N, C-alpha and C. Protein backbone atom coordinates (compact mmCIF):
# COMPACT_ATOMS: atom_id res chain seq x y z
N MET A 1 -21.51 24.50 -26.97
CA MET A 1 -22.52 24.07 -26.04
C MET A 1 -21.84 23.18 -24.99
N LEU A 2 -22.08 23.48 -23.73
CA LEU A 2 -21.54 22.66 -22.65
C LEU A 2 -22.64 21.72 -22.16
N ASP A 3 -22.30 20.46 -21.99
CA ASP A 3 -23.28 19.49 -21.50
C ASP A 3 -23.82 19.89 -20.14
N GLN A 4 -22.92 20.41 -19.28
CA GLN A 4 -23.35 20.80 -17.94
C GLN A 4 -22.40 21.83 -17.36
N VAL A 5 -22.96 22.75 -16.57
CA VAL A 5 -22.19 23.74 -15.82
C VAL A 5 -22.69 23.66 -14.39
N GLN A 6 -21.75 23.56 -13.45
CA GLN A 6 -22.13 23.47 -12.05
C GLN A 6 -21.36 24.50 -11.24
N VAL A 7 -22.10 25.26 -10.41
CA VAL A 7 -21.53 26.20 -9.46
C VAL A 7 -22.16 25.87 -8.13
N SER A 8 -21.36 25.37 -7.21
CA SER A 8 -21.86 24.92 -5.91
C SER A 8 -22.94 23.86 -6.12
N GLN A 9 -24.14 24.08 -5.62
CA GLN A 9 -25.23 23.10 -5.76
C GLN A 9 -26.07 23.31 -7.02
N ILE A 10 -25.79 24.36 -7.77
CA ILE A 10 -26.56 24.67 -8.98
C ILE A 10 -25.94 23.96 -10.16
N ARG A 11 -26.75 23.18 -10.87
CA ARG A 11 -26.27 22.45 -12.05
C ARG A 11 -27.26 22.66 -13.18
N LEU A 12 -26.75 23.19 -14.30
CA LEU A 12 -27.57 23.40 -15.49
C LEU A 12 -26.98 22.61 -16.64
N HIS A 13 -27.84 22.18 -17.55
CA HIS A 13 -27.43 21.35 -18.68
C HIS A 13 -27.62 22.11 -20.00
N ASN A 14 -26.81 21.74 -20.99
CA ASN A 14 -26.89 22.32 -22.34
C ASN A 14 -26.81 23.84 -22.31
N VAL A 15 -25.70 24.35 -21.78
CA VAL A 15 -25.49 25.79 -21.64
C VAL A 15 -24.66 26.29 -22.83
N SER A 16 -25.20 27.27 -23.55
CA SER A 16 -24.49 27.88 -24.66
C SER A 16 -23.28 28.64 -24.12
N THR A 17 -22.16 28.57 -24.83
CA THR A 17 -20.94 29.23 -24.35
C THR A 17 -20.10 29.74 -25.51
N MET A 18 -19.01 30.41 -25.18
CA MET A 18 -18.10 30.96 -26.17
C MET A 18 -16.71 30.99 -25.57
N LEU A 19 -15.70 30.71 -26.37
CA LEU A 19 -14.31 30.80 -25.93
C LEU A 19 -13.68 32.07 -26.49
N LEU A 20 -12.90 32.75 -25.64
CA LEU A 20 -12.16 33.93 -26.07
C LEU A 20 -10.69 33.56 -26.17
N ASP A 21 -10.08 33.85 -27.28
CA ASP A 21 -8.67 33.57 -27.50
C ASP A 21 -7.85 34.79 -27.10
N GLY A 22 -6.88 34.61 -26.22
CA GLY A 22 -6.03 35.71 -25.80
C GLY A 22 -5.92 35.78 -24.29
N PRO A 23 -5.16 36.75 -23.80
CA PRO A 23 -4.89 36.83 -22.36
C PRO A 23 -6.05 37.39 -21.52
N GLU A 24 -7.02 38.01 -22.14
CA GLU A 24 -8.13 38.61 -21.39
C GLU A 24 -9.42 37.86 -21.70
N PRO A 25 -10.31 37.66 -20.80
CA PRO A 25 -10.19 38.02 -19.39
C PRO A 25 -9.29 37.05 -18.64
N ALA A 26 -8.69 37.52 -17.57
CA ALA A 26 -7.77 36.69 -16.79
C ALA A 26 -8.53 35.67 -15.94
N ARG A 27 -9.82 35.90 -15.73
CA ARG A 27 -10.65 34.97 -14.95
C ARG A 27 -11.80 34.48 -15.82
N ALA A 28 -12.28 33.29 -15.50
CA ALA A 28 -13.42 32.74 -16.23
C ALA A 28 -14.68 33.57 -15.94
N LEU A 29 -15.50 33.75 -16.95
CA LEU A 29 -16.73 34.51 -16.81
C LEU A 29 -17.94 33.60 -17.05
N LEU A 30 -19.01 33.83 -16.30
CA LEU A 30 -20.27 33.14 -16.55
C LEU A 30 -21.10 34.02 -17.47
N GLN A 31 -21.57 33.45 -18.56
CA GLN A 31 -22.36 34.20 -19.52
C GLN A 31 -23.82 34.27 -19.10
N MET A 32 -24.56 35.15 -19.74
CA MET A 32 -25.99 35.28 -19.46
C MET A 32 -26.75 34.03 -19.85
N SER A 33 -26.20 33.20 -20.73
CA SER A 33 -26.86 31.93 -21.06
C SER A 33 -26.96 31.05 -19.82
N PHE A 34 -26.06 31.23 -18.87
CA PHE A 34 -26.10 30.52 -17.59
C PHE A 34 -26.83 31.37 -16.55
N LEU A 35 -26.41 32.61 -16.38
CA LEU A 35 -26.96 33.46 -15.33
C LEU A 35 -28.44 33.78 -15.57
N GLY A 36 -28.87 33.82 -16.83
CA GLY A 36 -30.26 34.12 -17.13
C GLY A 36 -31.23 33.05 -16.66
N GLN A 37 -30.71 31.89 -16.31
CA GLN A 37 -31.55 30.79 -15.83
C GLN A 37 -31.61 30.75 -14.30
N LEU A 38 -31.04 31.77 -13.66
CA LEU A 38 -30.98 31.81 -12.20
C LEU A 38 -31.69 33.05 -11.65
N ASP A 39 -32.11 32.97 -10.40
CA ASP A 39 -32.56 34.14 -9.67
C ASP A 39 -31.33 34.70 -8.96
N MET A 40 -31.12 36.01 -9.08
CA MET A 40 -29.96 36.65 -8.47
C MET A 40 -30.42 37.69 -7.46
N GLU A 41 -29.79 37.68 -6.30
CA GLU A 41 -30.07 38.68 -5.28
C GLU A 41 -28.74 39.26 -4.82
N ARG A 42 -28.62 40.58 -4.90
CA ARG A 42 -27.37 41.23 -4.55
C ARG A 42 -27.55 42.07 -3.29
N SER A 43 -26.57 41.94 -2.39
CA SER A 43 -26.56 42.72 -1.16
C SER A 43 -25.12 43.21 -0.95
N GLY A 44 -24.88 44.47 -1.24
CA GLY A 44 -23.52 45.00 -1.14
C GLY A 44 -22.63 44.33 -2.17
N GLU A 45 -21.54 43.72 -1.72
CA GLU A 45 -20.62 43.04 -2.63
C GLU A 45 -20.95 41.56 -2.79
N ARG A 46 -22.00 41.11 -2.14
CA ARG A 46 -22.38 39.69 -2.20
C ARG A 46 -23.52 39.48 -3.19
N MET A 47 -23.41 38.42 -4.01
CA MET A 47 -24.48 38.06 -4.93
C MET A 47 -24.85 36.61 -4.66
N ASP A 48 -26.11 36.37 -4.33
CA ASP A 48 -26.61 35.01 -4.12
C ASP A 48 -27.34 34.55 -5.36
N LEU A 49 -27.03 33.33 -5.79
CA LEU A 49 -27.66 32.73 -6.96
C LEU A 49 -28.53 31.57 -6.53
N LYS A 50 -29.73 31.48 -7.10
CA LYS A 50 -30.63 30.36 -6.83
C LYS A 50 -31.18 29.87 -8.14
N GLN A 51 -31.26 28.57 -8.28
CA GLN A 51 -31.78 27.98 -9.51
C GLN A 51 -33.28 28.17 -9.60
N LYS A 52 -33.75 28.62 -10.78
CA LYS A 52 -35.19 28.74 -11.02
C LYS A 52 -35.76 27.36 -11.27
N PHE A 53 -36.95 27.12 -10.78
CA PHE A 53 -37.59 25.82 -11.03
C PHE A 53 -38.88 26.00 -11.76
């Protein structure tokens, strides 16, 4: 459990998480425990995230 996760102006508290041991993935991933609390709008290759209130 992470006390807080912040991406730009979006800050969420008590986010469930998991660590993967090994070389993959090479980049950090946001889990659905974080993304599920946001509104997402996709346009082409761009994804806009907004915090649900």
